[in-house]
C-alpha cells in the first residue's frame, strides 16, 4: 500500500461514515457533549424553579 491507496481509503471511509450519519444509523461525533450541555442547563433551570 502506498500513500495514494491510503488516501483513497480514508476518503472512502469518510464518505461512508457521512452517509451513515445522515441515514441515522450511527450518531455523529460530539453528540455526547451536546447531551451533557443540554442536561446541565435543563437541570439548572429545573433546579432554580423547584428549590428544595
N, C-alpha and C. Protein backbone atom coordinates (compact mmCIF):
# COMPACT_ATOMS: atom_id res chain seq x y z
N UNK A 1 0.84 -1.20 0.00
CA UNK A 1 0.00 0.00 0.00
C UNK A 1 0.87 1.25 0.00
N UNK A 2 0.61 2.10 -0.92
CA UNK A 2 1.33 3.36 -0.91
C UNK A 2 0.42 4.46 -0.37
N UNK A 3 0.94 5.67 -0.34
CA UNK A 3 0.18 6.78 0.24
C UNK A 3 -1.09 7.08 -0.53
N UNK A 4 -1.07 6.89 -1.84
CA UNK A 4 -2.25 7.14 -2.65
C UNK A 4 -3.39 6.20 -2.29
N UNK A 5 -3.04 4.91 -2.05
CA UNK A 5 -4.06 3.95 -1.65
C UNK A 5 -4.64 4.29 -0.29
N UNK A 6 -3.76 4.68 0.63
CA UNK A 6 -4.24 5.06 1.96
C UNK A 6 -5.15 6.27 1.89
N UNK A 7 -4.79 7.25 1.09
CA UNK A 7 -5.60 8.46 0.97
C UNK A 7 -6.97 8.13 0.37
N UNK A 8 -6.98 7.26 -0.63
CA UNK A 8 -8.25 6.86 -1.24
C UNK A 8 -9.13 6.12 -0.25
N UNK A 9 -8.53 5.28 0.59
CA UNK A 9 -9.31 4.54 1.58
C UNK A 9 -9.85 5.47 2.66
N UNK A 10 -9.08 6.48 3.05
CA UNK A 10 -9.56 7.45 4.03
C UNK A 10 -10.75 8.23 3.47
N UNK A 11 -10.66 8.65 2.22
CA UNK A 11 -11.78 9.37 1.60
C UNK A 11 -13.01 8.48 1.51
N UNK A 12 -12.82 7.21 1.18
CA UNK A 12 -13.94 6.27 1.10
C UNK A 12 -14.57 6.08 2.48
N UNK A 13 -13.73 5.96 3.51
CA UNK A 13 -14.23 5.81 4.88
C UNK A 13 -15.02 7.04 5.31
N UNK A 14 -14.52 8.23 5.02
CA UNK A 14 -15.22 9.45 5.41
C UNK A 14 -16.56 9.57 4.70
N UNK A 15 -16.61 9.21 3.43
CA UNK A 15 -17.87 9.27 2.69
C UNK A 15 -18.88 8.27 3.25
N UNK A 16 -18.42 7.07 3.57
CA UNK A 16 -19.31 6.06 4.15
C UNK A 16 -19.82 6.50 5.51
N UNK A 17 -18.93 7.04 6.33
CA UNK A 17 -19.31 7.49 7.66
C UNK A 17 -20.33 8.63 7.57
N UNK A 18 -20.11 9.57 6.67
CA UNK A 18 -21.02 10.69 6.50
C UNK A 18 -22.40 10.21 6.06
N UNK A 19 -22.44 9.24 5.14
CA UNK A 19 -23.73 8.75 4.66
C UNK A 19 -24.46 7.98 5.76
N UNK A 20 -23.74 7.23 6.58
CA UNK A 20 -24.38 6.51 7.68
C UNK A 20 -24.90 7.48 8.74
N UNK A 21 -24.18 8.58 8.98
CA UNK A 21 -24.65 9.59 9.92
C UNK A 21 -25.92 10.25 9.41
N UNK A 22 -25.99 10.52 8.11
CA UNK A 22 -27.17 11.17 7.54
C UNK A 22 -28.38 10.25 7.58
N UNK A 23 -28.16 8.95 7.42
CA UNK A 23 -29.26 7.99 7.46
C UNK A 23 -29.70 7.69 8.89
N UNK A 24 -28.92 8.11 9.88
CA UNK A 24 -29.28 7.88 11.27
C UNK A 24 -28.84 6.54 11.81
N UNK A 25 -28.00 5.82 11.07
CA UNK A 25 -27.55 4.52 11.54
C UNK A 25 -26.46 4.65 12.60
N UNK A 26 -25.66 5.69 12.51
CA UNK A 26 -24.67 5.98 13.55
C UNK A 26 -24.82 7.43 13.95
N UNK A 27 -24.44 7.72 15.17
CA UNK A 27 -24.54 9.10 15.65
C UNK A 27 -23.31 9.89 15.23
N UNK A 28 -23.49 11.15 14.90
CA UNK A 28 -22.33 11.98 14.58
C UNK A 28 -21.44 12.15 15.82
N UNK A 29 -20.18 12.47 15.57
CA UNK A 29 -19.26 12.70 16.68
C UNK A 29 -19.67 13.95 17.45
N UNK A 30 -19.28 14.01 18.70
CA UNK A 30 -19.51 15.13 19.61
C UNK A 30 -20.97 15.29 20.00
N UNK A 31 -21.81 14.30 19.74
CA UNK A 31 -23.20 14.43 20.19
C UNK A 31 -23.31 14.18 21.68
N UNK A 32 -22.41 13.38 22.24
CA UNK A 32 -22.46 13.13 23.68
C UNK A 32 -22.23 14.42 24.46
N UNK A 33 -21.33 15.25 24.01
CA UNK A 33 -21.06 16.52 24.68
C UNK A 33 -22.28 17.43 24.59
N UNK A 34 -22.98 17.39 23.49
CA UNK A 34 -24.20 18.18 23.34
C UNK A 34 -25.23 17.75 24.36
N UNK A 35 -25.40 16.42 24.53
CA UNK A 35 -26.36 15.92 25.51
C UNK A 35 -25.98 16.35 26.92
N UNK A 36 -24.70 16.35 27.23
CA UNK A 36 -24.24 16.75 28.57
C UNK A 36 -24.56 18.22 28.82
N UNK A 37 -24.30 19.07 27.84
CA UNK A 37 -24.57 20.51 27.99
C UNK A 37 -26.06 20.76 28.14
N UNK A 38 -26.88 20.11 27.32
CA UNK A 38 -28.33 20.29 27.41
C UNK A 38 -28.85 19.81 28.76
N UNK A 39 -28.37 18.67 29.23
CA UNK A 39 -28.80 18.15 30.52
C UNK A 39 -28.39 19.08 31.65
N UNK A 40 -27.20 19.65 31.56
CA UNK A 40 -26.73 20.56 32.61
C UNK A 40 -27.62 21.80 32.68
N UNK A 41 -27.87 22.42 31.53
CA UNK A 41 -28.68 23.64 31.55
C UNK A 41 -30.13 23.36 31.92
N UNK A 42 -30.68 22.24 31.47
CA UNK A 42 -32.06 21.93 31.87
C UNK A 42 -32.11 21.63 33.36
N UNK A 43 -31.08 21.01 33.90
CA UNK A 43 -31.02 20.77 35.34
C UNK A 43 -30.91 22.07 36.12
N UNK A 44 -30.16 23.02 35.60
CA UNK A 44 -30.06 24.32 36.26
C UNK A 44 -31.41 25.04 36.26
N UNK A 45 -32.13 24.97 35.15
CA UNK A 45 -33.42 25.64 35.07
C UNK A 45 -34.42 24.99 36.01
N UNK A 46 -34.49 23.67 35.99
CA UNK A 46 -35.43 22.96 36.88
C UNK A 46 -35.04 23.18 38.33
N UNK A 47 -33.75 23.18 38.62
CA UNK A 47 -33.30 23.41 39.99
C UNK A 47 -33.63 24.80 40.49
N UNK A 48 -33.64 25.78 39.60
CA UNK A 48 -33.99 27.14 40.03
C UNK A 48 -35.50 27.30 40.19
N UNK A 49 -36.28 26.52 39.45
CA UNK A 49 -37.73 26.60 39.58
C UNK A 49 -38.25 25.82 40.78
N UNK A 50 -37.57 24.74 41.11
CA UNK A 50 -38.01 23.89 42.22
C UNK A 50 -36.91 23.80 43.28
N UNK A 51 -36.72 24.84 44.05
CA UNK A 51 -35.67 24.76 45.09
C UNK A 51 -36.11 23.83 46.22
N UNK A 52 -35.27 22.95 46.57
CA UNK A 52 -35.61 22.01 47.64
C UNK A 52 -35.11 22.58 48.92
